Amino acid sequence: QVQLVESGGGLVQPGGSLRLSCTGSGISLRTDSISWYRQAPGKQRVWVATIHGGGTTYYTDAVKGRVTISRDIVKNTVYLQMNTLKPEDTATYYCNCRTTWGQGTQVTVSS
């Protein structure tokens, strides 16, 4: 059974940074792809970034250059390092593997 747990969200000022974590059980980061999505209040959930089992990474245009997805295979954890945060990055961030979603972690960018 696949389970995903996100952490690392919080309140940060514009221009600040956060690192989100997604720790999985029942998965292997050597073969499984992990994606981050986000959902702002009143909006649909949208894709943010993906790291494939082979290590290739992809990003939505809105975060390119500010966000880095990475992984620690030993810890079975995927990270989302977010820099130069903007108010429009405010959302609940979810990680996804196959058909499983985590519970989400809230990111609020506000002064």
N, C-alpha and C. Protein backbone atom coordinates (compact mmCIF):
# COMPACT_ATOMS: atom_id res chain seq x y z
N GLN A 1 0.85 -1.20 0.00
CA GLN A 1 0.00 0.00 0.00
C GLN A 1 0.88 1.24 0.00
N VAL A 2 0.60 2.14 -0.93
CA VAL A 2 1.38 3.36 -1.06
C VAL A 2 0.82 4.42 -0.10
N GLN A 3 1.71 5.05 0.62
CA GLN A 3 1.33 6.18 1.48
C GLN A 3 2.35 7.29 1.28
N LEU A 4 1.85 8.51 1.27
CA LEU A 4 2.69 9.68 1.09
C LEU A 4 2.38 10.69 2.19
N VAL A 5 3.41 11.27 2.77
CA VAL A 5 3.23 12.26 3.83
C VAL A 5 4.06 13.49 3.49
N GLU A 6 3.38 14.62 3.34
CA GLU A 6 4.07 15.88 3.05
C GLU A 6 4.33 16.64 4.35
N SER A 7 5.35 17.46 4.31
CA SER A 7 5.66 18.34 5.43
C SER A 7 6.47 19.51 4.92
N GLY A 8 6.64 20.52 5.78
CA GLY A 8 7.52 21.62 5.43
C GLY A 8 6.82 22.92 5.06
N GLY A 9 5.51 22.90 4.97
CA GLY A 9 4.80 24.12 4.63
C GLY A 9 4.84 25.13 5.76
N GLY A 10 4.34 26.32 5.49
CA GLY A 10 4.30 27.35 6.51
C GLY A 10 4.04 28.71 5.92
N LEU A 11 4.21 29.71 6.76
CA LEU A 11 4.02 31.11 6.36
C LEU A 11 5.40 31.71 6.08
N VAL A 12 5.53 32.33 4.94
CA VAL A 12 6.82 32.93 4.56
C VAL A 12 6.54 34.25 3.86
N GLN A 13 7.46 35.17 4.00
CA GLN A 13 7.32 36.47 3.34
C GLN A 13 7.69 36.36 1.86
N PRO A 14 7.15 37.25 1.04
CA PRO A 14 7.55 37.25 -0.38
C PRO A 14 9.07 37.35 -0.50
N GLY A 15 9.61 36.56 -1.42
CA GLY A 15 11.05 36.50 -1.59
C GLY A 15 11.73 35.44 -0.76
N GLY A 16 10.98 34.84 0.15
CA GLY A 16 11.55 33.83 1.03
C GLY A 16 11.60 32.45 0.39
N SER A 17 12.03 31.48 1.19
CA SER A 17 12.20 30.12 0.71
C SER A 17 11.55 29.12 1.65
N LEU A 18 11.17 27.99 1.10
CA LEU A 18 10.68 26.86 1.86
C LEU A 18 11.13 25.59 1.17
N ARG A 19 11.31 24.55 1.97
CA ARG A 19 11.57 23.24 1.39
C ARG A 19 10.49 22.28 1.87
N LEU A 20 9.74 21.76 0.92
CA LEU A 20 8.72 20.78 1.23
C LEU A 20 9.30 19.38 1.08
N SER A 21 8.78 18.47 1.90
CA SER A 21 9.21 17.08 1.84
C SER A 21 8.01 16.17 1.60
N CYS A 22 8.24 15.11 0.89
CA CYS A 22 7.23 14.08 0.65
C CYS A 22 7.89 12.74 0.91
N THR A 23 7.50 12.10 1.98
CA THR A 23 8.08 10.81 2.35
C THR A 23 7.09 9.71 2.03
N GLY A 24 7.57 8.72 1.30
CA GLY A 24 6.68 7.66 0.86
C GLY A 24 6.99 6.31 1.47
N SER A 25 5.95 5.50 1.57
CA SER A 25 6.11 4.09 1.92
C SER A 25 5.38 3.29 0.85
N GLY A 26 5.91 2.09 0.61
CA GLY A 26 5.31 1.28 -0.44
C GLY A 26 5.71 1.71 -1.83
N ILE A 27 6.77 2.52 -1.93
CA ILE A 27 7.24 3.00 -3.23
C ILE A 27 8.75 2.82 -3.31
N SER A 28 9.28 2.91 -4.53
CA SER A 28 10.72 2.92 -4.72
C SER A 28 11.06 4.08 -5.63
N LEU A 29 11.83 5.01 -5.10
CA LEU A 29 12.17 6.20 -5.89
C LEU A 29 13.09 5.84 -7.05
N ARG A 30 13.63 4.64 -7.06
CA ARG A 30 14.46 4.24 -8.21
C ARG A 30 13.61 3.95 -9.45
N THR A 31 12.33 3.66 -9.21
CA THR A 31 11.46 3.31 -10.33
C THR A 31 10.20 4.16 -10.42
N ASP A 32 9.74 4.69 -9.30
CA ASP A 32 8.51 5.46 -9.28
C ASP A 32 8.75 6.94 -9.56
N SER A 33 7.83 7.53 -10.29
CA SER A 33 7.85 8.97 -10.49
C SER A 33 7.01 9.63 -9.41
N ILE A 34 7.50 10.75 -8.93
CA ILE A 34 6.80 11.52 -7.91
C ILE A 34 6.55 12.92 -8.45
N SER A 35 5.35 13.39 -8.26
CA SER A 35 4.99 14.73 -8.71
C SER A 35 4.48 15.58 -7.56
N TRP A 36 4.71 16.86 -7.68
CA TRP A 36 4.11 17.84 -6.78
C TRP A 36 3.02 18.60 -7.55
N TYR A 37 1.91 18.81 -6.87
CA TYR A 37 0.82 19.62 -7.37
C TYR A 37 0.51 20.68 -6.32
N ARG A 38 -0.24 21.67 -6.73
CA ARG A 38 -0.71 22.66 -5.76
C ARG A 38 -2.13 23.08 -6.11
N GLN A 39 -2.83 23.48 -5.06
CA GLN A 39 -4.21 23.93 -5.22
C GLN A 39 -4.43 25.18 -4.40
N ALA A 40 -4.66 26.27 -5.11
CA ALA A 40 -4.95 27.53 -4.44
C ALA A 40 -6.43 27.58 -4.09
N PRO A 41 -6.81 28.39 -3.11
CA PRO A 41 -8.22 28.47 -2.71
C PRO A 41 -9.12 28.81 -3.89
N GLY A 42 -10.15 28.01 -4.08
CA GLY A 42 -11.10 28.27 -5.14
C GLY A 42 -10.63 27.91 -6.53
N LYS A 43 -9.48 27.28 -6.64
CA LYS A 43 -8.94 26.92 -7.95
C LYS A 43 -8.69 25.43 -8.05
N GLN A 44 -8.48 24.97 -9.27
CA GLN A 44 -8.21 23.56 -9.48
C GLN A 44 -6.78 23.21 -9.09
N ARG A 45 -6.59 21.96 -8.78
CA ARG A 45 -5.25 21.47 -8.48
C ARG A 45 -4.45 21.44 -9.78
N VAL A 46 -3.23 21.97 -9.73
CA VAL A 46 -2.39 22.02 -10.93
C VAL A 46 -1.03 21.40 -10.66
N TRP A 47 -0.46 20.89 -11.71
CA TRP A 47 0.84 20.25 -11.62
C TRP A 47 1.95 21.30 -11.46
N VAL A 48 2.97 20.93 -10.64
CA VAL A 48 4.09 21.85 -10.39
C VAL A 48 5.40 21.27 -10.91
N ALA A 49 5.69 20.03 -10.52
CA ALA A 49 6.98 19.44 -10.90
C ALA A 49 6.91 17.93 -10.76
N THR A 50 7.80 17.26 -11.48
CA THR A 50 7.90 15.80 -11.45
C THR A 50 9.36 15.38 -11.48
N ILE A 51 9.65 14.34 -10.72
CA ILE A 51 10.95 13.68 -10.85
C ILE A 51 10.69 12.22 -11.19
N HIS A 52 11.22 11.79 -12.33
CA HIS A 52 11.02 10.42 -12.77
C HIS A 52 11.98 9.47 -12.05
N GLY A 53 11.68 8.17 -12.15
CA GLY A 53 12.53 7.18 -11.49
C GLY A 53 13.98 7.28 -11.94
N GLY A 54 14.18 7.65 -13.20
CA GLY A 54 15.54 7.79 -13.71
C GLY A 54 16.22 9.08 -13.29
N GLY A 55 15.48 9.96 -12.64
CA GLY A 55 16.06 11.20 -12.13
C GLY A 55 15.75 12.44 -12.96
N THR A 56 15.15 12.26 -14.12
CA THR A 56 14.80 13.42 -14.94
C THR A 56 13.74 14.26 -14.24
N THR A 57 13.89 15.57 -14.35
CA THR A 57 12.96 16.47 -13.69
C THR A 57 12.24 17.36 -14.70
N TYR A 58 11.03 17.75 -14.34
CA TYR A 58 10.22 18.62 -15.18
C TYR A 58 9.51 19.63 -14.28
N TYR A 59 9.29 20.83 -14.84
CA TYR A 59 8.66 21.90 -14.07
C TYR A 59 7.63 22.63 -14.91
N THR A 60 6.59 23.11 -14.25
CA THR A 60 5.69 24.00 -14.93
C THR A 60 6.36 25.35 -15.10
N ASP A 61 5.98 26.08 -16.15
CA ASP A 61 6.66 27.34 -16.46
C ASP A 61 6.59 28.33 -15.30
N ALA A 62 5.51 28.28 -14.54
CA ALA A 62 5.31 29.27 -13.47
C ALA A 62 6.37 29.19 -12.38
N VAL A 63 7.06 28.07 -12.27
CA VAL A 63 8.03 27.91 -11.19
C VAL A 63 9.45 27.68 -11.68
N LYS A 64 9.65 27.57 -12.98
CA LYS A 64 11.00 27.31 -13.50
C LYS A 64 11.97 28.38 -13.05
N GLY A 65 13.13 27.93 -12.60
CA GLY A 65 14.15 28.85 -12.13
C GLY A 65 14.02 29.21 -10.66
N ARG A 66 12.89 28.89 -10.06
CA ARG A 66 12.68 29.20 -8.63
C ARG A 66 12.50 27.94 -7.79
N VAL A 67 12.19 26.85 -8.43
CA VAL A 67 11.84 25.62 -7.72
C VAL A 67 12.72 24.48 -8.21
N THR A 68 13.15 23.65 -7.27
CA THR A 68 13.95 22.47 -7.60
C THR A 68 13.35 21.25 -6.92
N ILE A 69 13.09 20.24 -7.72
CA ILE A 69 12.63 18.96 -7.17
C ILE A 69 13.83 18.02 -7.10
N SER A 70 13.97 17.32 -5.99
CA SER A 70 15.09 16.41 -5.81
C SER A 70 14.63 15.24 -4.94
N ARG A 71 15.51 14.29 -4.73
CA ARG A 71 15.10 13.12 -3.96
C ARG A 71 16.27 12.56 -3.17
N ASP A 72 15.93 11.85 -2.10
CA ASP A 72 16.87 11.08 -1.32
C ASP A 72 16.34 9.65 -1.35
N ILE A 73 16.99 8.82 -2.14
CA ILE A 73 16.49 7.45 -2.32
C ILE A 73 16.55 6.66 -1.02
N VAL A 74 17.58 6.89 -0.24
CA VAL A 74 17.72 6.15 1.02
C VAL A 74 16.57 6.50 1.97
N LYS A 75 16.22 7.77 2.01
CA LYS A 75 15.15 8.21 2.91
C LYS A 75 13.77 8.06 2.27
N ASN A 76 13.73 7.66 1.00
CA ASN A 76 12.45 7.55 0.28
C ASN A 76 11.66 8.86 0.33
N THR A 77 12.39 9.94 0.16
CA THR A 77 11.81 11.27 0.30
C THR A 77 12.12 12.12 -0.93
N VAL A 78 11.10 12.83 -1.37
CA VAL A 78 11.25 13.80 -2.46
C VAL A 78 11.08 15.19 -1.87
N TYR A 79 11.91 16.10 -2.33
CA TYR A 79 11.89 17.47 -1.82
C TYR A 79 11.44 18.44 -2.92
N LEU A 80 10.86 19.54 -2.47
CA LEU A 80 10.55 20.63 -3.38
C LEU A 80 11.12 21.90 -2.73
N GLN A 81 12.27 22.32 -3.24
CA GLN A 81 12.89 23.54 -2.74
C GLN A 81 12.32 24.71 -3.51
N MET A 82 11.72 25.62 -2.79
CA MET A 82 11.06 26.77 -3.42
C MET A 82 11.73 28.04 -2.95
N ASN A 83 12.25 28.81 -3.89
CA ASN A 83 12.93 30.06 -3.60
C ASN A 83 12.18 31.23 -4.24
N THR A 84 12.54 32.41 -3.80
CA THR A 84 11.92 33.63 -4.35
C THR A 84 10.40 33.49 -4.42
N LEU A 85 9.83 33.09 -3.31
CA LEU A 85 8.40 32.83 -3.28
C LEU A 85 7.59 34.09 -3.50
N LYS A 86 6.45 33.91 -4.15
CA LYS A 86 5.54 35.01 -4.48
C LYS A 86 4.18 34.73 -3.85
N PRO A 87 3.39 35.77 -3.63
CA PRO A 87 2.04 35.54 -3.07
C PRO A 87 1.23 34.55 -3.91
N GLU A 88 1.45 34.53 -5.20
CA GLU A 88 0.69 33.60 -6.05
C GLU A 88 1.13 32.15 -5.90
N ASP A 89 2.17 31.90 -5.13
CA ASP A 89 2.57 30.53 -4.81
C ASP A 89 1.76 29.98 -3.62
N THR A 90 0.97 30.83 -3.01
CA THR A 90 0.14 30.39 -1.89
C THR A 90 -0.83 29.31 -2.34
N ALA A 91 -0.77 28.17 -1.67
CA ALA A 91 -1.59 27.02 -2.06
C ALA A 91 -1.33 25.88 -1.08
N THR A 92 -2.18 24.88 -1.18
CA THR A 92 -1.88 23.61 -0.52
C THR A 92 -1.12 22.76 -1.52
N TYR A 93 0.03 22.25 -1.09
CA TYR A 93 0.90 21.48 -1.97
C TYR A 93 0.75 19.99 -1.66
N TYR A 94 0.57 19.22 -2.71
CA TYR A 94 0.35 17.78 -2.58
C TYR A 94 1.41 17.03 -3.39
N CYS A 95 1.83 15.89 -2.85
CA CYS A 95 2.66 15.01 -3.69
C CYS A 95 1.81 13.82 -4.13
N ASN A 96 2.24 13.27 -5.24
CA ASN A 96 1.48 12.21 -5.89
C ASN A 96 2.42 11.15 -6.43
N CYS A 97 1.99 9.90 -6.24
CA CYS A 97 2.69 8.76 -6.83
C CYS A 97 1.65 7.76 -7.29
N ARG A 98 1.69 7.42 -8.54
CA ARG A 98 0.68 6.54 -9.15
C ARG A 98 -0.70 7.16 -8.89
N THR A 99 -1.56 6.50 -8.15
CA THR A 99 -2.90 7.04 -7.88
C THR A 99 -3.05 7.55 -6.46
N THR A 100 -1.94 7.63 -5.74
CA THR A 100 -1.99 8.02 -4.34
C THR A 100 -1.57 9.47 -4.15
N TRP A 101 -2.30 10.16 -3.28
CA TRP A 101 -2.02 11.54 -2.91
C TRP A 101 -1.71 11.62 -1.43
N GLY A 102 -0.84 12.55 -1.10
CA GLY A 102 -0.64 12.86 0.31
C GLY A 102 -1.76 13.75 0.81
N GLN A 103 -1.66 14.13 2.09
CA GLN A 103 -2.70 14.93 2.71
C GLN A 103 -2.54 16.41 2.42
N GLY A 104 -1.39 16.80 1.92
CA GLY A 104 -1.14 18.19 1.58
C GLY A 104 -0.45 18.95 2.70
N THR A 105 0.27 19.99 2.29
CA THR A 105 0.90 20.90 3.25
C THR A 105 0.67 22.33 2.76
N GLN A 106 0.28 23.20 3.67
CA GLN A 106 -0.11 24.55 3.31
C GLN A 106 1.10 25.47 3.21
N VAL A 107 1.17 26.20 2.12
CA VAL A 107 2.19 27.23 1.93
C VAL A 107 1.47 28.56 1.76
N THR A 108 1.82 29.50 2.61
CA THR A 108 1.25 30.84 2.53
C THR A 108 2.37 31.85 2.39
N VAL A 109 2.30 32.63 1.32
CA VAL A 109 3.32 33.65 1.06
C VAL A 109 2.65 35.01 1.24
N SER A 110 3.04 35.67 2.30
CA SER A 110 2.38 36.93 2.64
C SER A 110 3.28 37.77 3.53
N SER A 111 3.17 39.09 3.38
CA SER A 111 3.90 39.98 4.26
C SER A 111 3.03 40.41 5.43
